[in-house]
Amino acid sequence: MGERNQRTPLGEPSPEDESQHQGASTSEALPQLSDEERRRLLQAWKTVYRLLRYRPRTEAELRQALRRRGFSGDIIEAVLAEAREMRWVDDRAFAHLWVEQRSRSRPRAGWVLARELRERGVPEEFIDDALAHVDEGALARAAAEKAWRRYRSLPWPEARRRLAQYLARRGFPYELIHDVLASWEAHPGSHPDDTLDEEREP
């Protein structure tokens, strides 16, 4: 096989990657494969390629997808080992990317993010590493600011109740929810909308 492209963690495989790779080094590592097994190996590589072109995935997600398609254990593990070497799959990088993207687009409590990563088969050590520097208060404030857009037309007492319910559904503890909303009341300047005082008028 020719010289491999240098990949960054969770680097998206390009069409050139697929055409150049074709499972060649994995096939070389398993010389005992029959022609039929080599055909299946190539199919497994094409499956991994298509899945990763759609979005980053964990090793467990890829393993499960290949099992559902009936690939043998030997082929699955050989393909995954090569995918790790090429850095097409990297569970530690996946965990960091997941936390970063969810914190930005759909903020929720750290324990909820951890649960989502466990559901995708990420090892605990990678989850702990990705969540080590997460600011739960900042996540709660970001979630409240996003939700405020839908409740801003309501009187403040009703908006506050709905915001509290919204934050609770995203896993934030009562004490933190209370602190975030109380800070808006005590310091209107910290609120995303400077009409808070007007919203609170009876």
C-alpha atoms as a PDB file:
ATOM      1  CA  MET A   1       0.000   0.000   0.000  1.00  0.00           C
ATOM      2  CA  GLY A   2       1.218   3.540  -0.714  1.00  0.00           C
ATOM      3  CA  GLU A   3       2.030   6.095   1.939  1.00  0.00           C
ATOM      4  CA  ARG A   4      -0.998   6.841   4.089  1.00  0.00           C
ATOM      5  CA  ASN A   5      -2.507  10.271   4.500  1.00  0.00           C
ATOM      6  CA  GLN A   6      -1.787  11.801   7.890  1.00  0.00           C
ATOM      7  CA  ARG A   7      -5.102  11.988   9.701  1.00  0.00           C
ATOM      8  CA  THR A   8      -6.192  14.225  12.540  1.00  0.00           C
ATOM      9  CA  PRO A   9      -8.374  12.722  15.310  1.00  0.00           C
ATOM     10  CA  LEU A  10     -11.785  11.965  13.846  1.00  0.00           C
ATOM     11  CA  GLY A  11     -10.535  13.092  10.458  1.00  0.00           C
ATOM     12  CA  GLU A  12     -13.221  12.566   7.860  1.00  0.00           C
ATOM     13  CA  PRO A  13     -12.132   9.913   5.342  1.00  0.00           C
ATOM     14  CA  SER A  14     -11.938  11.324   1.839  1.00  0.00           C
ATOM     15  CA  PRO A  15     -12.779   9.534  -1.420  1.00  0.00           C
ATOM     16  CA  GLU A  16      -9.017   9.269  -1.980  1.00  0.00           C
ATOM     17  CA  ASP A  17      -8.687   7.457   1.355  1.00  0.00           C
ATOM     18  CA  GLU A  18     -11.223   4.869   0.275  1.00  0.00           C
ATOM     19  CA  SER A  19      -9.789   4.283  -3.164  1.00  0.00           C
ATOM     20  CA  GLN A  20      -6.198   4.105  -1.885  1.00  0.00           C
ATOM     21  CA  HIS A  21      -6.920   1.954   1.146  1.00  0.00           C
ATOM     22  CA  GLN A  22      -9.460  -0.668   0.029  1.00  0.00           C
ATOM     23  CA  GLY A  23      -8.617  -2.747   3.146  1.00  0.00           C
ATOM     24  CA  ALA A  24      -5.219  -3.643   1.712  1.00  0.00           C
ATOM     25  CA  SER A  25      -3.103  -3.579   4.866  1.00  0.00           C
ATOM     26  CA  THR A  26      -5.770  -5.431   6.825  1.00  0.00           C
ATOM     27  CA  SER A  27      -5.828  -8.093   4.148  1.00  0.00           C
ATOM     28  CA  GLU A  28      -2.049  -8.348   4.375  1.00  0.00           C
ATOM     29  CA  ALA A  29      -2.322  -8.819   8.132  1.00  0.00           C
ATOM     30  CA  LEU A  30      -4.752 -11.710   7.585  1.00  0.00           C
ATOM     31  CA  PRO A  31      -3.113 -13.775   4.822  1.00  0.00           C
ATOM     32  CA  GLN A  32      -5.228 -16.807   5.698  1.00  0.00           C
ATOM     33  CA  LEU A  33      -8.370 -15.172   4.315  1.00  0.00           C
ATOM     34  CA  SER A  34     -10.192 -16.897   1.502  1.00  0.00           C
ATOM     35  CA  ASP A  35     -11.273 -15.004  -1.585  1.00  0.00           C
ATOM     36  CA  GLU A  36     -14.775 -14.740  -0.161  1.00  0.00           C
ATOM     37  CA  GLU A  37     -13.440 -13.402   3.132  1.00  0.00           C
ATOM     38  CA  ARG A  38     -11.325 -10.840   1.293  1.00  0.00           C
ATOM     39  CA  ARG A  39     -14.450  -9.728  -0.537  1.00  0.00           C
ATOM     40  CA  ARG A  40     -16.228  -9.367   2.801  1.00  0.00           C
ATOM     41  CA  LEU A  41     -13.248  -7.446   4.166  1.00  0.00           C
ATOM     42  CA  LEU A  42     -13.559  -4.927   1.360  1.00  0.00           C
ATOM     43  CA  GLN A  43     -17.290  -4.664   2.038  1.00  0.00           C
ATOM     44  CA  ALA A  44     -16.552  -3.997   5.716  1.00  0.00           C
ATOM     45  CA  TRP A  45     -14.159  -1.208   4.774  1.00  0.00           C
ATOM     46  CA  LYS A  46     -16.730   0.363   2.478  1.00  0.00           C
ATOM     47  CA  THR A  47     -19.292   0.199   5.295  1.00  0.00           C
ATOM     48  CA  VAL A  48     -16.943   1.940   7.727  1.00  0.00           C
ATOM     49  CA  TYR A  49     -16.121   4.545   5.101  1.00  0.00           C
ATOM     50  CA  ARG A  50     -19.782   5.356   4.448  1.00  0.00           C
ATOM     51  CA  LEU A  51     -20.644   5.552   8.145  1.00  0.00           C
ATOM     52  CA  LEU A  52     -17.755   7.889   8.934  1.00  0.00           C
ATOM     53  CA  ARG A  53     -18.485  10.115   5.953  1.00  0.00           C
ATOM     54  CA  TYR A  54     -21.904  10.725   7.499  1.00  0.00           C
ATOM     55  CA  ARG A  55     -20.653  11.618  11.015  1.00  0.00           C
ATOM     56  CA  PRO A  56     -17.927  10.667  13.529  1.00  0.00           C
ATOM     57  CA  ARG A  57     -18.640   7.414  15.358  1.00  0.00           C
ATOM     58  CA  THR A  58     -17.249   5.529  18.298  1.00  0.00           C
ATOM     59  CA  GLU A  59     -15.527   2.201  17.994  1.00  0.00           C
ATOM     60  CA  ALA A  60     -18.511   0.533  19.669  1.00  0.00           C
ATOM     61  CA  GLU A  61     -20.936   2.103  17.194  1.00  0.00           C
ATOM     62  CA  LEU A  62     -18.895   0.868  14.244  1.00  0.00           C
ATOM     63  CA  ARG A  63     -18.538  -2.600  15.769  1.00  0.00           C
ATOM     64  CA  GLN A  64     -22.285  -2.823  16.288  1.00  0.00           C
ATOM     65  CA  ALA A  65     -23.022  -1.621  12.756  1.00  0.00           C
ATOM     66  CA  LEU A  66     -20.655  -4.211  11.261  1.00  0.00           C
ATOM     67  CA  ARG A  67     -22.130  -6.994  13.396  1.00  0.00           C
ATOM     68  CA  ARG A  68     -25.634  -6.087  12.229  1.00  0.00           C
ATOM     69  CA  ARG A  69     -24.399  -6.501   8.666  1.00  0.00           C
ATOM     70  CA  GLY A  70     -23.140  -9.995   9.438  1.00  0.00           C
ATOM     71  CA  PHE A  71     -19.370  -9.492   9.304  1.00  0.00           C
ATOM     72  CA  SER A  72     -17.243 -11.978  11.231  1.00  0.00           C
ATOM     73  CA  GLY A  73     -15.494 -11.018  14.457  1.00  0.00           C
ATOM     74  CA  ASP A  74     -12.045 -11.369  12.902  1.00  0.00           C
ATOM     75  CA  ILE A  75     -12.861  -9.028  10.043  1.00  0.00           C
ATOM     76  CA  ILE A  76     -14.537  -6.503  12.352  1.00  0.00           C
ATOM     77  CA  GLU A  77     -11.614  -6.326  14.769  1.00  0.00           C
ATOM     78  CA  ALA A  78      -9.053  -6.164  11.964  1.00  0.00           C
ATOM     79  CA  VAL A  79     -10.900  -3.308  10.264  1.00  0.00           C
ATOM     80  CA  LEU A  80     -11.329  -1.413  13.538  1.00  0.00           C
ATOM     81  CA  ALA A  81      -7.648  -1.817  14.398  1.00  0.00           C
ATOM     82  CA  GLU A  82      -6.693  -0.344  11.039  1.00  0.00           C
ATOM     83  CA  ALA A  83      -9.263   2.458  11.448  1.00  0.00           C
ATOM     84  CA  ARG A  84      -7.685   3.348  14.795  1.00  0.00           C
ATOM     85  CA  GLU A  85      -4.222   3.376  13.246  1.00  0.00           C
ATOM     86  CA  MET A  86      -5.427   5.697  10.475  1.00  0.00           C
ATOM     87  CA  ARG A  87      -7.198   7.801  13.125  1.00  0.00           C
ATOM     88  CA  TRP A  88     -10.549   7.426  11.441  1.00  0.00           C
ATOM     89  CA  VAL A  89     -11.882   6.400  14.854  1.00  0.00           C
ATOM     90  CA  ASP A  90     -10.695   7.817  18.180  1.00  0.00           C
ATOM     91  CA  ASP A  91     -12.991   7.471  21.194  1.00  0.00           C
ATOM     92  CA  ARG A  92     -11.122  10.027  23.288  1.00  0.00           C
ATOM     93  CA  ALA A  93     -11.380  12.654  20.544  1.00  0.00           C
ATOM     94  CA  PHE A  94     -15.013  11.683  19.956  1.00  0.00           C
ATOM     95  CA  ALA A  95     -15.829  12.320  23.643  1.00  0.00           C
ATOM     96  CA  HIS A  96     -14.257  15.776  23.559  1.00  0.00           C
ATOM     97  CA  LEU A  97     -15.991  16.636  20.290  1.00  0.00           C
ATOM     98  CA  TRP A  98     -19.358  15.419  21.616  1.00  0.00           C
ATOM     99  CA  VAL A  99     -19.102  17.509  24.793  1.00  0.00           C
ATOM    100  CA  GLU A 100     -17.964  20.580  22.851  1.00  0.00           C
ATOM    101  CA  GLN A 101     -20.736  20.389  20.270  1.00  0.00           C
ATOM    102  CA  ARG A 102     -23.517  19.517  22.709  1.00  0.00           C
ATOM    103  CA  SER A 103     -22.424  22.267  25.107  1.00  0.00           C
ATOM    104  CA  ARG A 104     -22.643  24.765  22.265  1.00  0.00           C
ATOM    105  CA  SER A 105     -25.821  23.628  20.514  1.00  0.00           C
ATOM    106  CA  ARG A 106     -27.853  21.732  23.140  1.00  0.00           C
ATOM    107  CA  PRO A 107     -26.467  22.506  26.621  1.00  0.00           C
ATOM    108  CA  ARG A 108     -27.280  19.984  29.323  1.00  0.00           C
ATOM    109  CA  ALA A 109     -25.891  18.759  32.622  1.00  0.00           C
ATOM    110  CA  GLY A 110     -22.564  16.938  32.706  1.00  0.00           C
ATOM    111  CA  TRP A 111     -24.107  13.692  33.932  1.00  0.00           C
ATOM    112  CA  VAL A 112     -26.464  13.720  30.931  1.00  0.00           C
ATOM    113  CA  LEU A 113     -23.528  14.176  28.565  1.00  0.00           C
ATOM    114  CA  ALA A 114     -21.766  11.298  30.319  1.00  0.00           C
ATOM    115  CA  ARG A 115     -24.830   9.083  29.879  1.00  0.00           C
ATOM    116  CA  GLU A 116     -25.009   9.914  26.170  1.00  0.00           C
ATOM    117  CA  LEU A 117     -21.353   8.968  25.734  1.00  0.00           C
ATOM    118  CA  ARG A 118     -21.816   5.699  27.651  1.00  0.00           C
ATOM    119  CA  GLU A 119     -24.751   4.850  25.378  1.00  0.00           C
ATOM    120  CA  ARG A 120     -22.321   5.194  22.460  1.00  0.00           C
ATOM    121  CA  GLY A 121     -19.784   2.886  24.079  1.00  0.00           C
ATOM    122  CA  VAL A 122     -17.149   5.449  25.076  1.00  0.00           C
ATOM    123  CA  PRO A 123     -14.865   4.134  27.878  1.00  0.00           C
ATOM    124  CA  GLU A 124     -15.249   5.779  31.276  1.00  0.00           C
ATOM    125  CA  GLU A 125     -11.708   7.170  31.310  1.00  0.00           C
ATOM    126  CA  PHE A 126     -12.376   9.092  28.092  1.00  0.00           C
ATOM    127  CA  ILE A 127     -15.699  10.368  29.436  1.00  0.00           C
ATOM    128  CA  ASP A 128     -14.042  11.594  32.628  1.00  0.00           C
ATOM    129  CA  ASP A 129     -11.331  13.294  30.613  1.00  0.00           C
ATOM    130  CA  ALA A 130     -13.824  15.059  28.332  1.00  0.00           C
ATOM    131  CA  LEU A 131     -15.903  16.315  31.260  1.00  0.00           C
ATOM    132  CA  ALA A 132     -12.996  17.264  33.524  1.00  0.00           C
ATOM    133  CA  HIS A 133     -13.176  20.982  32.765  1.00  0.00           C
ATOM    134  CA  VAL A 134     -16.881  21.356  32.068  1.00  0.00           C
ATOM    135  CA  ASP A 135     -18.426  24.325  33.875  1.00  0.00           C
ATOM    136  CA  GLU A 136     -21.881  23.141  34.951  1.00  0.00           C
ATOM    137  CA  GLY A 137     -22.967  26.666  35.812  1.00  0.00           C
ATOM    138  CA  ALA A 138     -21.990  27.946  32.378  1.00  0.00           C
ATOM    139  CA  LEU A 139     -23.910  25.092  30.747  1.00  0.00           C
ATOM    140  CA  ALA A 140     -27.022  25.904  32.791  1.00  0.00           C
ATOM    141  CA  ARG A 141     -26.815  29.599  31.902  1.00  0.00           C
ATOM    142  CA  ALA A 142     -26.339  28.775  28.213  1.00  0.00           C
ATOM    143  CA  ALA A 143     -29.343  26.438  28.282  1.00  0.00           C
ATOM    144  CA  ALA A 144     -31.472  29.066  30.014  1.00  0.00           C
ATOM    145  CA  GLU A 145     -30.486  31.712  27.480  1.00  0.00           C
ATOM    146  CA  LYS A 146     -31.499  29.445  24.599  1.00  0.00           C
ATOM    147  CA  ALA A 147     -34.832  28.629  26.244  1.00  0.00           C
ATOM    148  CA  TRP A 148     -35.543  32.267  27.086  1.00  0.00           C
ATOM    149  CA  ARG A 149     -36.315  33.015  23.439  1.00  0.00           C
ATOM    150  CA  ARG A 150     -39.474  30.928  23.597  1.00  0.00           C
ATOM    151  CA  TYR A 151     -40.644  32.236  26.990  1.00  0.00           C
ATOM    152  CA  ARG A 152     -39.702  35.920  26.839  1.00  0.00           C
ATOM    153  CA  SER A 153     -43.229  37.029  25.938  1.00  0.00           C
ATOM    154  CA  LEU A 154     -44.651  35.508  29.150  1.00  0.00           C
ATOM    155  CA  PRO A 155     -44.969  37.310  32.481  1.00  0.00           C
ATOM    156  CA  TRP A 156     -41.790  36.691  34.466  1.00  0.00           C
ATOM    157  CA  PRO A 157     -43.319  34.357  37.115  1.00  0.00           C
ATOM    158  CA  GLU A 158     -44.628  32.039  34.391  1.00  0.00           C
ATOM    159  CA  ALA A 159     -41.449  32.351  32.331  1.00  0.00           C
ATOM    160  CA  ARG A 160     -39.382  31.541  35.411  1.00  0.00           C
ATOM    161  CA  ARG A 161     -41.453  28.424  36.123  1.00  0.00           C
ATOM    162  CA  ARG A 162     -41.080  27.169  32.569  1.00  0.00           C
ATOM    163  CA  LEU A 163     -37.373  27.927  32.488  1.00  0.00           C
ATOM    164  CA  ALA A 164     -36.912  25.940  35.695  1.00  0.00           C
ATOM    165  CA  GLN A 165     -38.772  22.985  34.184  1.00  0.00           C
ATOM    166  CA  TYR A 166     -36.728  23.240  30.998  1.00  0.00           C
ATOM    167  CA  LEU A 167     -33.424  23.184  32.897  1.00  0.00           C
ATOM    168  CA  ALA A 168     -34.600  20.309  35.094  1.00  0.00           C
ATOM    169  CA  ARG A 169     -35.409  18.237  31.994  1.00  0.00           C
ATOM    170  CA  ARG A 170     -31.814  18.764  30.889  1.00  0.00           C
ATOM    171  CA  GLY A 171     -30.496  17.312  34.102  1.00  0.00           C
ATOM    172  CA  PHE A 172     -29.474  20.384  36.062  1.00  0.00           C
ATOM    173  CA  PRO A 173     -29.954  20.170  39.845  1.00  0.00           C
ATOM    174  CA  TYR A 174     -32.528  22.339  41.596  1.00  0.00           C
ATOM    175  CA  GLU A 175     -29.929  24.351  43.496  1.00  0.00           C
ATOM    176  CA  LEU A 176     -28.134  25.367  40.297  1.00  0.00           C
ATOM    177  CA  ILE A 177     -31.394  26.198  38.518  1.00  0.00           C
ATOM    178  CA  HIS A 178     -32.403  28.382  41.447  1.00  0.00           C
ATOM    179  CA  ASP A 179     -29.031  30.162  41.445  1.00  0.00           C
ATOM    180  CA  VAL A 180     -29.115  30.888  37.698  1.00  0.00           C
ATOM    181  CA  LEU A 181     -32.637  32.281  37.722  1.00  0.00           C
ATOM    182  CA  ALA A 182     -32.101  34.169  40.970  1.00  0.00           C
ATOM    183  CA  SER A 183     -29.037  35.855  39.477  1.00  0.00           C
ATOM    184  CA  TRP A 184     -31.182  37.097  36.587  1.00  0.00           C
ATOM    185  CA  GLU A 185     -33.614  38.608  39.059  1.00  0.00           C
ATOM    186  CA  ALA A 186     -30.938  40.136  41.251  1.00  0.00           C
ATOM    187  CA  HIS A 187     -28.762  41.381  38.375  1.00  0.00           C
ATOM    188  CA  PRO A 188     -30.861  42.147  35.278  1.00  0.00           C
ATOM    189  CA  GLY A 189     -27.705  43.079  33.408  1.00  0.00           C
ATOM    190  CA  SER A 190     -26.660  39.417  33.468  1.00  0.00           C
ATOM    191  CA  HIS A 191     -29.874  38.447  31.697  1.00  0.00           C
ATOM    192  CA  PRO A 192     -29.791  37.867  27.910  1.00  0.00           C
ATOM    193  CA  ASP A 193     -32.672  40.327  27.492  1.00  0.00           C
ATOM    194  CA  ASP A 194     -32.413  43.762  29.089  1.00  0.00           C
ATOM    195  CA  THR A 195     -36.234  43.968  29.330  1.00  0.00           C
ATOM    196  CA  LEU A 196     -36.295  41.582  32.278  1.00  0.00           C
ATOM    197  CA  ASP A 197     -37.365  44.342  34.660  1.00  0.00           C
ATOM    198  CA  GLU A 198     -40.300  45.116  32.410  1.00  0.00           C
ATOM    199  CA  GLU A 199     -41.207  41.414  32.235  1.00  0.00           C
ATOM    200  CA  ARG A 200     -41.313  41.298  36.019  1.00  0.00           C
ATOM    201  CA  GLU A 201     -43.715  44.218  36.354  1.00  0.00           C
ATOM    202  CA  PRO A 202     -47.183  43.126  37.542  1.00  0.00           C
END
